[in-house]
């Protein structure tokens, strides 16, 4: 697992966590979370397909990875 915290000049903090080909990014400004992103570099690793109706299943598998 790789961890990185980046600070920008606009009081924006970006937290990045990498788990192999999965990455979690959290954007924070002034003690408020603006956005959270989960990125799967290769959905084949999740073994659940890549169609839009499969998104809930993908999210569930990413939570358990």
PDB file of N, CA and C in Angstrom:
ATOM      1  N   UNK A   1       0.849  -1.162   0.000  1.00  0.00           N
ATOM      2  CA  UNK A   1       0.000   0.000   0.000  1.00  0.00           C
ATOM      3  C   UNK A   1       0.903   1.236   0.000  1.00  0.00           C
ATOM      4  N   UNK A   2       0.594   2.161  -0.874  1.00  0.00           N
ATOM      5  CA  UNK A   2       1.331   3.420  -0.961  1.00  0.00           C
ATOM      6  C   UNK A   2       0.437   4.554  -0.480  1.00  0.00           C
ATOM      7  N   UNK A   3       0.981   5.454   0.326  1.00  0.00           N
ATOM      8  CA  UNK A   3       0.217   6.594   0.833  1.00  0.00           C
ATOM      9  C   UNK A   3       0.931   7.876   0.429  1.00  0.00           C
ATOM     10  N   UNK A   4       0.149   8.876   0.038  1.00  0.00           N
ATOM     11  CA  UNK A   4       0.729  10.164  -0.320  1.00  0.00           C
ATOM     12  C   UNK A   4      -0.262  11.270   0.037  1.00  0.00           C
ATOM     13  N   UNK A   5       0.244  12.364   0.576  1.00  0.00           N
ATOM     14  CA  UNK A   5      -0.573  13.533   0.883  1.00  0.00           C
ATOM     15  C   UNK A   5       0.035  14.718   0.142  1.00  0.00           C
ATOM     16  N   UNK A   6      -0.778  15.393  -0.646  1.00  0.00           N
ATOM     17  CA  UNK A   6      -0.315  16.541  -1.412  1.00  0.00           C
ATOM     18  C   UNK A   6      -1.068  17.786  -0.955  1.00  0.00           C
ATOM     19  N   UNK A   7      -0.347  18.885  -0.803  1.00  0.00           N
ATOM     20  CA  UNK A   7      -0.956  20.159  -0.441  1.00  0.00           C
ATOM     21  C   UNK A   7      -0.775  21.131  -1.607  1.00  0.00           C
ATOM     22  N   UNK A   8      -1.808  21.895  -1.933  1.00  0.00           N
ATOM     23  CA  UNK A   8      -1.710  22.877  -3.001  1.00  0.00           C
ATOM     24  C   UNK A   8      -1.772  24.275  -2.415  1.00  0.00           C
ATOM     25  N   UNK A   9      -1.567  25.256  -3.241  1.00  0.00           N
ATOM     26  CA  UNK A   9      -1.558  26.647  -2.779  1.00  0.00           C
ATOM     27  C   UNK A   9      -2.947  27.172  -2.441  1.00  0.00           C
ATOM     28  N   UNK A  10      -4.003  26.460  -2.792  1.00  0.00           N
ATOM     29  CA  UNK A  10      -5.379  26.912  -2.547  1.00  0.00           C
ATOM     30  C   UNK A  10      -6.009  26.224  -1.338  1.00  0.00           C
ATOM     31  N   UNK A  11      -5.181  25.810  -0.365  1.00  0.00           N
ATOM     32  CA  UNK A  11      -5.670  25.142   0.849  1.00  0.00           C
ATOM     33  C   UNK A  11      -6.414  23.853   0.528  1.00  0.00           C
ATOM     34  N   UNK A  12      -6.008  23.189  -0.548  1.00  0.00           N
ATOM     35  CA  UNK A  12      -6.605  21.917  -0.949  1.00  0.00           C
ATOM     36  C   UNK A  12      -5.613  20.812  -0.611  1.00  0.00           C
ATOM     37  N   UNK A  13      -6.098  19.772   0.044  1.00  0.00           N
ATOM     38  CA  UNK A  13      -5.268  18.620   0.381  1.00  0.00           C
ATOM     39  C   UNK A  13      -5.808  17.409  -0.356  1.00  0.00           C
ATOM     40  N   UNK A  14      -4.908  16.649  -0.969  1.00  0.00           N
ATOM     41  CA  UNK A  14      -5.292  15.438  -1.689  1.00  0.00           C
ATOM     42  C   UNK A  14      -4.619  14.254  -0.994  1.00  0.00           C
ATOM     43  N   UNK A  15      -5.433  13.336  -0.478  1.00  0.00           N
ATOM     44  CA  UNK A  15      -4.946  12.101   0.132  1.00  0.00           C
ATOM     45  C   UNK A  15      -5.046  11.004  -0.913  1.00  0.00           C
ATOM     46  N   UNK A  16      -3.955  10.281  -1.130  1.00  0.00           N
ATOM     47  CA  UNK A  16      -3.969   9.191  -2.109  1.00  0.00           C
ATOM     48  C   UNK A  16      -3.516   7.903  -1.440  1.00  0.00           C
ATOM     49  N   UNK A  17      -4.308   6.844  -1.633  1.00  0.00           N
ATOM     50  CA  UNK A  17      -3.963   5.507  -1.156  1.00  0.00           C
ATOM     51  C   UNK A  17      -3.997   4.571  -2.344  1.00  0.00           C
ATOM     52  N   UNK A  18      -2.926   3.817  -2.548  1.00  0.00           N
ATOM     53  CA  UNK A  18      -2.879   2.863  -3.654  1.00  0.00           C
ATOM     54  C   UNK A  18      -2.799   1.453  -3.095  1.00  0.00           C
ATOM     55  N   UNK A  19      -3.667   0.590  -3.637  1.00  0.00           N
ATOM     56  CA  UNK A  19      -3.704  -0.832  -3.298  1.00  0.00           C
ATOM     57  C   UNK A  19      -3.504  -1.595  -4.592  1.00  0.00           C
ATOM     58  N   UNK A  20      -2.271  -1.790  -5.026  1.00  0.00           N
ATOM     59  CA  UNK A  20      -2.037  -2.447  -6.308  1.00  0.00           C
ATOM     60  C   UNK A  20      -2.591  -1.600  -7.439  1.00  0.00           C
ATOM     61  N   UNK A  21      -3.563  -2.117  -8.173  1.00  0.00           N
ATOM     62  CA  UNK A  21      -4.157  -1.384  -9.295  1.00  0.00           C
ATOM     63  C   UNK A  21      -5.375  -0.564  -8.889  1.00  0.00           C
ATOM     64  N   UNK A  22      -5.706  -0.545  -7.607  1.00  0.00           N
ATOM     65  CA  UNK A  22      -6.815   0.267  -7.112  1.00  0.00           C
ATOM     66  C   UNK A  22      -6.250   1.488  -6.405  1.00  0.00           C
ATOM     67  N   UNK A  23      -6.921   2.624  -6.579  1.00  0.00           N
ATOM     68  CA  UNK A  23      -6.455   3.860  -5.962  1.00  0.00           C
ATOM     69  C   UNK A  23      -7.647   4.623  -5.388  1.00  0.00           C
ATOM     70  N   UNK A  24      -7.463   5.147  -4.190  1.00  0.00           N
ATOM     71  CA  UNK A  24      -8.476   5.962  -3.529  1.00  0.00           C
ATOM     72  C   UNK A  24      -7.918   7.372  -3.383  1.00  0.00           C
ATOM     73  N   UNK A  25      -8.685   8.378  -3.828  1.00  0.00           N
ATOM     74  CA  UNK A  25      -8.281   9.774  -3.695  1.00  0.00           C
ATOM     75  C   UNK A  25      -9.364  10.517  -2.920  1.00  0.00           C
ATOM     76  N   UNK A  26      -8.932  11.317  -1.961  1.00  0.00           N
ATOM     77  CA  UNK A  26      -9.860  12.135  -1.190  1.00  0.00           C
ATOM     78  C   UNK A  26      -9.384  13.582  -1.273  1.00  0.00           C
ATOM     79  N   UNK A  27     -10.286  14.478  -1.646  1.00  0.00           N
ATOM     80  CA  UNK A  27      -9.971  15.894  -1.778  1.00  0.00           C
ATOM     81  C   UNK A  27     -10.596  16.636  -0.595  1.00  0.00           C
ATOM     82  N   UNK A  28      -9.769  17.402   0.131  1.00  0.00           N
ATOM     83  CA  UNK A  28     -10.191  18.082   1.345  1.00  0.00           C
ATOM     84  C   UNK A  28      -9.800  19.557   1.240  1.00  0.00           C
ATOM     85  N   UNK A  29     -10.704  20.428   1.628  1.00  0.00           N
ATOM     86  CA  UNK A  29     -10.399  21.859   1.645  1.00  0.00           C
ATOM     87  C   UNK A  29     -11.022  22.470   2.885  1.00  0.00           C
ATOM     88  N   UNK A  30     -10.187  23.043   3.726  1.00  0.00           N
ATOM     89  CA  UNK A  30     -10.688  23.699   4.921  1.00  0.00           C
ATOM     90  C   UNK A  30     -11.464  22.770   5.831  1.00  0.00           C
ATOM     91  N   UNK A  31     -10.979  21.561   6.069  1.00  0.00           N
ATOM     92  CA  UNK A  31     -11.609  20.561   6.944  1.00  0.00           C
ATOM     93  C   UNK A  31     -12.941  20.041   6.396  1.00  0.00           C
ATOM     94  N   UNK A  32     -13.164  20.174   5.101  1.00  0.00           N
ATOM     95  CA  UNK A  32     -14.362  19.604   4.459  1.00  0.00           C
ATOM     96  C   UNK A  32     -13.939  18.694   3.322  1.00  0.00           C
ATOM     97  N   UNK A  33     -14.531  17.531   3.276  1.00  0.00           N
ATOM     98  CA  UNK A  33     -14.254  16.607   2.178  1.00  0.00           C
ATOM     99  C   UNK A  33     -15.068  17.052   0.971  1.00  0.00           C
ATOM    100  N   UNK A  34     -14.371  17.348  -0.119  1.00  0.00           N
ATOM    101  CA  UNK A  34     -15.041  17.806  -1.335  1.00  0.00           C
ATOM    102  C   UNK A  34     -15.476  16.648  -2.225  1.00  0.00           C
ATOM    103  N   UNK A  35     -14.592  15.655  -2.342  1.00  0.00           N
ATOM    104  CA  UNK A  35     -14.881  14.563  -3.271  1.00  0.00           C
ATOM    105  C   UNK A  35     -14.019  13.357  -2.904  1.00  0.00           C
ATOM    106  N   UNK A  36     -14.546  12.180  -3.161  1.00  0.00           N
ATOM    107  CA  UNK A  36     -13.807  10.935  -2.976  1.00  0.00           C
ATOM    108  C   UNK A  36     -13.892  10.170  -4.284  1.00  0.00           C
ATOM    109  N   UNK A  37     -12.752   9.693  -4.762  1.00  0.00           N
ATOM    110  CA  UNK A  37     -12.707   8.926  -6.016  1.00  0.00           C
ATOM    111  C   UNK A  37     -12.091   7.564  -5.750  1.00  0.00           C
ATOM    112  N   UNK A  38     -12.628   6.550  -6.379  1.00  0.00           N
ATOM    113  CA  UNK A  38     -12.026   5.221  -6.368  1.00  0.00           C
ATOM    114  C   UNK A  38     -11.714   4.880  -7.808  1.00  0.00           C
ATOM    115  N   UNK A  39     -10.469   4.550  -8.108  1.00  0.00           N
ATOM    116  CA  UNK A  39     -10.037   4.286  -9.474  1.00  0.00           C
ATOM    117  C   UNK A  39      -9.573   2.837  -9.566  1.00  0.00           C
ATOM    118  N   UNK A  40     -10.117   2.108 -10.513  1.00  0.00           N
ATOM    119  CA  UNK A  40      -9.686   0.736 -10.789  1.00  0.00           C
ATOM    120  C   UNK A  40      -8.937   0.771 -12.117  1.00  0.00           C
ATOM    121  N   UNK A  41      -7.643   0.536 -12.087  1.00  0.00           N
ATOM    122  CA  UNK A  41      -6.815   0.586 -13.296  1.00  0.00           C
ATOM    123  C   UNK A  41      -7.146  -0.536 -14.282  1.00  0.00           C
ATOM    124  N   UNK A  42      -7.618  -1.658 -13.758  1.00  0.00           N
ATOM    125  CA  UNK A  42      -7.959  -2.783 -14.611  1.00  0.00           C
ATOM    126  C   UNK A  42      -9.117  -3.537 -13.956  1.00  0.00           C
ATOM    127  N   UNK A  43     -10.332  -3.346 -14.460  1.00  0.00           N
ATOM    128  CA  UNK A  43     -11.494  -3.985 -13.837  1.00  0.00           C
ATOM    129  C   UNK A  43     -11.506  -5.494 -14.039  1.00  0.00           C
ATOM    130  N   UNK A  44     -10.682  -6.012 -14.926  1.00  0.00           N
ATOM    131  CA  UNK A  44     -10.597  -7.469 -15.085  1.00  0.00           C
ATOM    132  C   UNK A  44     -10.155  -8.130 -13.784  1.00  0.00           C
ATOM    133  N   UNK A  45      -9.351  -7.412 -12.995  1.00  0.00           N
ATOM    134  CA  UNK A  45      -8.898  -7.952 -11.713  1.00  0.00           C
ATOM    135  C   UNK A  45     -10.055  -8.178 -10.750  1.00  0.00           C
ATOM    136  N   UNK A  46     -11.140  -7.432 -10.901  1.00  0.00           N
ATOM    137  CA  UNK A  46     -12.294  -7.578 -10.010  1.00  0.00           C
ATOM    138  C   UNK A  46     -13.170  -8.770 -10.393  1.00  0.00           C
ATOM    139  N   UNK A  47     -13.068  -9.232 -11.621  1.00  0.00           N
ATOM    140  CA  UNK A  47     -13.788 -10.413 -12.129  1.00  0.00           C
ATOM    141  C   UNK A  47     -15.300 -10.317 -11.980  1.00  0.00           C
ATOM    142  N   UNK A  48     -15.839  -9.156 -12.364  1.00  0.00           N
ATOM    143  CA  UNK A  48     -17.293  -9.009 -12.292  1.00  0.00           C
ATOM    144  C   UNK A  48     -17.850  -8.315 -13.536  1.00  0.00           C
ATOM    145  N   UNK A  49     -17.057  -8.103 -14.547  1.00  0.00           N
ATOM    146  CA  UNK A  49     -17.506  -7.414 -15.746  1.00  0.00           C
ATOM    147  C   UNK A  49     -17.276  -5.921 -15.633  1.00  0.00           C
ATOM    148  N   UNK A  50     -17.543  -5.197 -16.716  1.00  0.00           N
ATOM    149  CA  UNK A  50     -17.294  -3.759 -16.699  1.00  0.00           C
ATOM    150  C   UNK A  50     -18.463  -2.931 -17.225  1.00  0.00           C
ATOM    151  N   UNK A  51     -19.644  -3.516 -17.267  1.00  0.00           N
ATOM    152  CA  UNK A  51     -20.819  -2.788 -17.720  1.00  0.00           C
ATOM    153  C   UNK A  51     -21.415  -1.971 -16.577  1.00  0.00           C
ATOM    154  N   UNK A  52     -22.119  -0.915 -16.920  1.00  0.00           N
ATOM    155  CA  UNK A  52     -22.692  -0.013 -15.930  1.00  0.00           C
ATOM    156  C   UNK A  52     -23.598  -0.710 -14.906  1.00  0.00           C
ATOM    157  N   UNK A  53     -24.442  -1.672 -15.296  1.00  0.00           N
ATOM    158  CA  UNK A  53     -25.268  -2.352 -14.283  1.00  0.00           C
ATOM    159  C   UNK A  53     -24.450  -3.121 -13.240  1.00  0.00           C
ATOM    160  N   UNK A  54     -23.177  -3.381 -13.522  1.00  0.00           N
ATOM    161  CA  UNK A  54     -22.316  -4.121 -12.586  1.00  0.00           C
ATOM    162  C   UNK A  54     -21.601  -3.222 -11.577  1.00  0.00           C
ATOM    163  N   UNK A  55     -21.809  -1.912 -11.627  1.00  0.00           N
ATOM    164  CA  UNK A  55     -21.108  -0.985 -10.738  1.00  0.00           C
ATOM    165  C   UNK A  55     -21.299  -1.325  -9.261  1.00  0.00           C
ATOM    166  N   UNK A  56     -22.508  -1.616  -8.778  1.00  0.00           N
ATOM    167  CA  UNK A  56     -22.636  -1.978  -7.351  1.00  0.00           C
ATOM    168  C   UNK A  56     -21.777  -3.187  -6.966  1.00  0.00           C
ATOM    169  N   UNK A  57     -21.715  -4.167  -7.840  1.00  0.00           N
ATOM    170  CA  UNK A  57     -20.888  -5.350  -7.566  1.00  0.00           C
ATOM    171  C   UNK A  57     -19.404  -4.981  -7.557  1.00  0.00           C
ATOM    172  N   UNK A  58     -18.984  -4.103  -8.506  1.00  0.00           N
ATOM    173  CA  UNK A  58     -17.590  -3.638  -8.536  1.00  0.00           C
ATOM    174  C   UNK A  58     -17.224  -2.922  -7.244  1.00  0.00           C
ATOM    175  N   UNK A  59     -18.094  -2.035  -6.790  1.00  0.00           N
ATOM    176  CA  UNK A  59     -17.848  -1.282  -5.562  1.00  0.00           C
ATOM    177  C   UNK A  59     -17.733  -2.212  -4.356  1.00  0.00           C
ATOM    178  N   UNK A  60     -18.599  -3.204  -4.307  1.00  0.00           N
ATOM    179  CA  UNK A  60     -18.544  -4.170  -3.208  1.00  0.00           C
ATOM    180  C   UNK A  60     -17.218  -4.920  -3.209  1.00  0.00           C
ATOM    181  N   UNK A  61     -16.742  -5.320  -4.373  1.00  0.00           N
ATOM    182  CA  UNK A  61     -15.476  -6.044  -4.454  1.00  0.00           C
ATOM    183  C   UNK A  61     -14.307  -5.139  -4.116  1.00  0.00           C
ATOM    184  N   UNK A  62     -14.371  -3.845  -4.510  1.00  0.00           N
ATOM    185  CA  UNK A  62     -13.291  -2.912  -4.172  1.00  0.00           C
ATOM    186  C   UNK A  62     -13.234  -2.676  -2.668  1.00  0.00           C
ATOM    187  N   UNK A  63     -14.380  -2.678  -2.015  1.00  0.00           N
ATOM    188  CA  UNK A  63     -14.402  -2.493  -0.551  1.00  0.00           C
ATOM    189  C   UNK A  63     -13.691  -3.626   0.166  1.00  0.00           C
ATOM    190  N   UNK A  64     -13.801  -4.842  -0.383  1.00  0.00           N
ATOM    191  CA  UNK A  64     -13.230  -6.017   0.270  1.00  0.00           C
ATOM    192  C   UNK A  64     -11.808  -6.301  -0.180  1.00  0.00           C
ATOM    193  N   UNK A  65     -11.271  -5.498  -1.078  1.00  0.00           N
ATOM    194  CA  UNK A  65      -9.892  -5.707  -1.564  1.00  0.00           C
ATOM    195  C   UNK A  65      -8.896  -5.047  -0.661  1.00  0.00           C
TER     196      UNK A  65
END
